[in-house]
């Protein structure tokens, strides 16, 4: 679907608003595809909640920084891999 939108639909659009909406749809499709293809382990909601609780309580685990950095990287690989590649 992404290829269809980018090669057959987008080039034919003159209306800037419709072009923008098509680009938004293409971005959403890319995110959905990467989410479905992702097999990286990630922190569960419960694990994140517990880590946040510990940090707020002043009981910061020694690996908190690396754990959170890995978590953010996992999320960025799905939502915006180009952004992550700029900073790795």
C-alpha atoms as a PDB file:
ATOM      1  CA  UNK A   1       0.000   0.000   0.000  1.00  0.00           C
ATOM      2  CA  UNK A   2       2.821   2.428   0.889  1.00  0.00           C
ATOM      3  CA  UNK A   3       4.452   1.851  -2.504  1.00  0.00           C
ATOM      4  CA  UNK A   4       1.139   2.421  -4.283  1.00  0.00           C
ATOM      5  CA  UNK A   5       0.578   5.704  -2.481  1.00  0.00           C
ATOM      6  CA  UNK A   6       4.136   6.936  -3.054  1.00  0.00           C
ATOM      7  CA  UNK A   7       4.529   5.952  -6.701  1.00  0.00           C
ATOM      8  CA  UNK A   8       1.032   6.150  -8.172  1.00  0.00           C
ATOM      9  CA  UNK A   9      -1.038   8.517  -6.048  1.00  0.00           C
ATOM     10  CA  UNK A  10       1.321  11.126  -4.570  1.00  0.00           C
ATOM     11  CA  UNK A  11       2.863  12.229  -7.897  1.00  0.00           C
ATOM     12  CA  UNK A  12      -0.599  12.966  -9.326  1.00  0.00           C
ATOM     13  CA  UNK A  13      -1.760  15.220  -6.499  1.00  0.00           C
ATOM     14  CA  UNK A  14      -1.861  18.988  -7.006  1.00  0.00           C
ATOM     15  CA  UNK A  15      -3.894  19.819  -3.901  1.00  0.00           C
ATOM     16  CA  UNK A  16      -1.370  20.532  -1.114  1.00  0.00           C
ATOM     17  CA  UNK A  17      -3.805  19.543   1.625  1.00  0.00           C
ATOM     18  CA  UNK A  18      -4.482  16.186  -0.019  1.00  0.00           C
ATOM     19  CA  UNK A  19      -0.752  15.687  -0.567  1.00  0.00           C
ATOM     20  CA  UNK A  20      -0.119  16.320   3.128  1.00  0.00           C
ATOM     21  CA  UNK A  21      -2.862  13.896   4.164  1.00  0.00           C
ATOM     22  CA  UNK A  22      -1.428  11.251   1.852  1.00  0.00           C
ATOM     23  CA  UNK A  23       2.025  11.713   3.398  1.00  0.00           C
ATOM     24  CA  UNK A  24       0.500  11.388   6.876  1.00  0.00           C
ATOM     25  CA  UNK A  25      -1.229   8.154   5.811  1.00  0.00           C
ATOM     26  CA  UNK A  26       2.032   6.841   4.349  1.00  0.00           C
ATOM     27  CA  UNK A  27       3.847   7.615   7.592  1.00  0.00           C
ATOM     28  CA  UNK A  28       1.156   5.831   9.630  1.00  0.00           C
ATOM     29  CA  UNK A  29       1.394   2.783   7.354  1.00  0.00           C
ATOM     30  CA  UNK A  30       5.178   2.739   7.793  1.00  0.00           C
ATOM     31  CA  UNK A  31       4.848   2.852  11.572  1.00  0.00           C
ATOM     32  CA  UNK A  32       2.255   0.058  11.541  1.00  0.00           C
ATOM     33  CA  UNK A  33       4.470  -2.101   9.296  1.00  0.00           C
ATOM     34  CA  UNK A  34       7.531  -1.606  11.517  1.00  0.00           C
ATOM     35  CA  UNK A  35       5.450  -2.334  14.636  1.00  0.00           C
ATOM     36  CA  UNK A  36       4.215  -5.607  13.166  1.00  0.00           C
ATOM     37  CA  UNK A  37       7.702  -6.603  12.012  1.00  0.00           C
ATOM     38  CA  UNK A  38       9.411  -5.685  15.281  1.00  0.00           C
ATOM     39  CA  UNK A  39      10.548  -8.584  17.395  1.00  0.00           C
ATOM     40  CA  UNK A  40      12.711  -6.592  19.802  1.00  0.00           C
ATOM     41  CA  UNK A  41      12.043  -7.227  23.458  1.00  0.00           C
ATOM     42  CA  UNK A  42      10.848  -4.161  25.288  1.00  0.00           C
ATOM     43  CA  UNK A  43       9.904  -3.185  28.797  1.00  0.00           C
ATOM     44  CA  UNK A  44       6.345  -3.943  29.792  1.00  0.00           C
ATOM     45  CA  UNK A  45       4.084  -1.235  31.182  1.00  0.00           C
ATOM     46  CA  UNK A  46       4.493  -2.757  34.621  1.00  0.00           C
ATOM     47  CA  UNK A  47       8.296  -2.716  34.346  1.00  0.00           C
ATOM     48  CA  UNK A  48       8.272   0.922  33.234  1.00  0.00           C
ATOM     49  CA  UNK A  49       5.892   1.871  36.024  1.00  0.00           C
ATOM     50  CA  UNK A  50       8.112   0.141  38.602  1.00  0.00           C
ATOM     51  CA  UNK A  51      11.253   1.784  37.237  1.00  0.00           C
ATOM     52  CA  UNK A  52       9.562   5.212  37.360  1.00  0.00           C
ATOM     53  CA  UNK A  53       8.401   4.562  40.914  1.00  0.00           C
ATOM     54  CA  UNK A  54      11.917   3.629  41.983  1.00  0.00           C
ATOM     55  CA  UNK A  55      13.457   6.674  40.317  1.00  0.00           C
ATOM     56  CA  UNK A  56      10.903   9.014  41.948  1.00  0.00           C
ATOM     57  CA  UNK A  57      11.642   7.401  45.306  1.00  0.00           C
ATOM     58  CA  UNK A  58      15.357   8.053  44.862  1.00  0.00           C
ATOM     59  CA  UNK A  59      16.166   4.348  44.466  1.00  0.00           C
ATOM     60  CA  UNK A  60      17.714   4.605  40.999  1.00  0.00           C
ATOM     61  CA  UNK A  61      18.931   1.224  39.721  1.00  0.00           C
ATOM     62  CA  UNK A  62      22.534   1.243  38.448  1.00  0.00           C
ATOM     63  CA  UNK A  63      21.385   0.258  34.959  1.00  0.00           C
ATOM     64  CA  UNK A  64      18.498   2.779  34.758  1.00  0.00           C
ATOM     65  CA  UNK A  65      20.171   4.983  32.148  1.00  0.00           C
ATOM     66  CA  UNK A  66      21.083   2.136  29.801  1.00  0.00           C
ATOM     67  CA  UNK A  67      17.678   0.500  30.311  1.00  0.00           C
ATOM     68  CA  UNK A  68      15.814   3.694  29.434  1.00  0.00           C
ATOM     69  CA  UNK A  69      18.129   4.448  26.517  1.00  0.00           C
ATOM     70  CA  UNK A  70      17.465   0.980  25.071  1.00  0.00           C
ATOM     71  CA  UNK A  71      13.721   1.432  25.620  1.00  0.00           C
ATOM     72  CA  UNK A  72      13.683   4.756  23.753  1.00  0.00           C
ATOM     73  CA  UNK A  73      15.777   3.274  20.924  1.00  0.00           C
ATOM     74  CA  UNK A  74      13.308   0.402  20.555  1.00  0.00           C
ATOM     75  CA  UNK A  75      10.405   2.847  20.323  1.00  0.00           C
ATOM     76  CA  UNK A  76      12.229   5.059  17.820  1.00  0.00           C
ATOM     77  CA  UNK A  77      13.053   2.094  15.568  1.00  0.00           C
ATOM     78  CA  UNK A  78       9.294   1.799  15.110  1.00  0.00           C
ATOM     79  CA  UNK A  79       8.135   5.409  15.117  1.00  0.00           C
ATOM     80  CA  UNK A  80      11.024   7.216  13.415  1.00  0.00           C
ATOM     81  CA  UNK A  81      14.104   5.119  12.559  1.00  0.00           C
ATOM     82  CA  UNK A  82      15.722   7.966  10.600  1.00  0.00           C
ATOM     83  CA  UNK A  83      15.787  10.105  13.741  1.00  0.00           C
ATOM     84  CA  UNK A  84      17.465   7.330  15.704  1.00  0.00           C
ATOM     85  CA  UNK A  85      20.069   6.747  12.981  1.00  0.00           C
ATOM     86  CA  UNK A  86      21.073  10.422  13.172  1.00  0.00           C
ATOM     87  CA  UNK A  87      22.006  10.081  16.838  1.00  0.00           C
ATOM     88  CA  UNK A  88      23.427   6.579  17.139  1.00  0.00           C
END
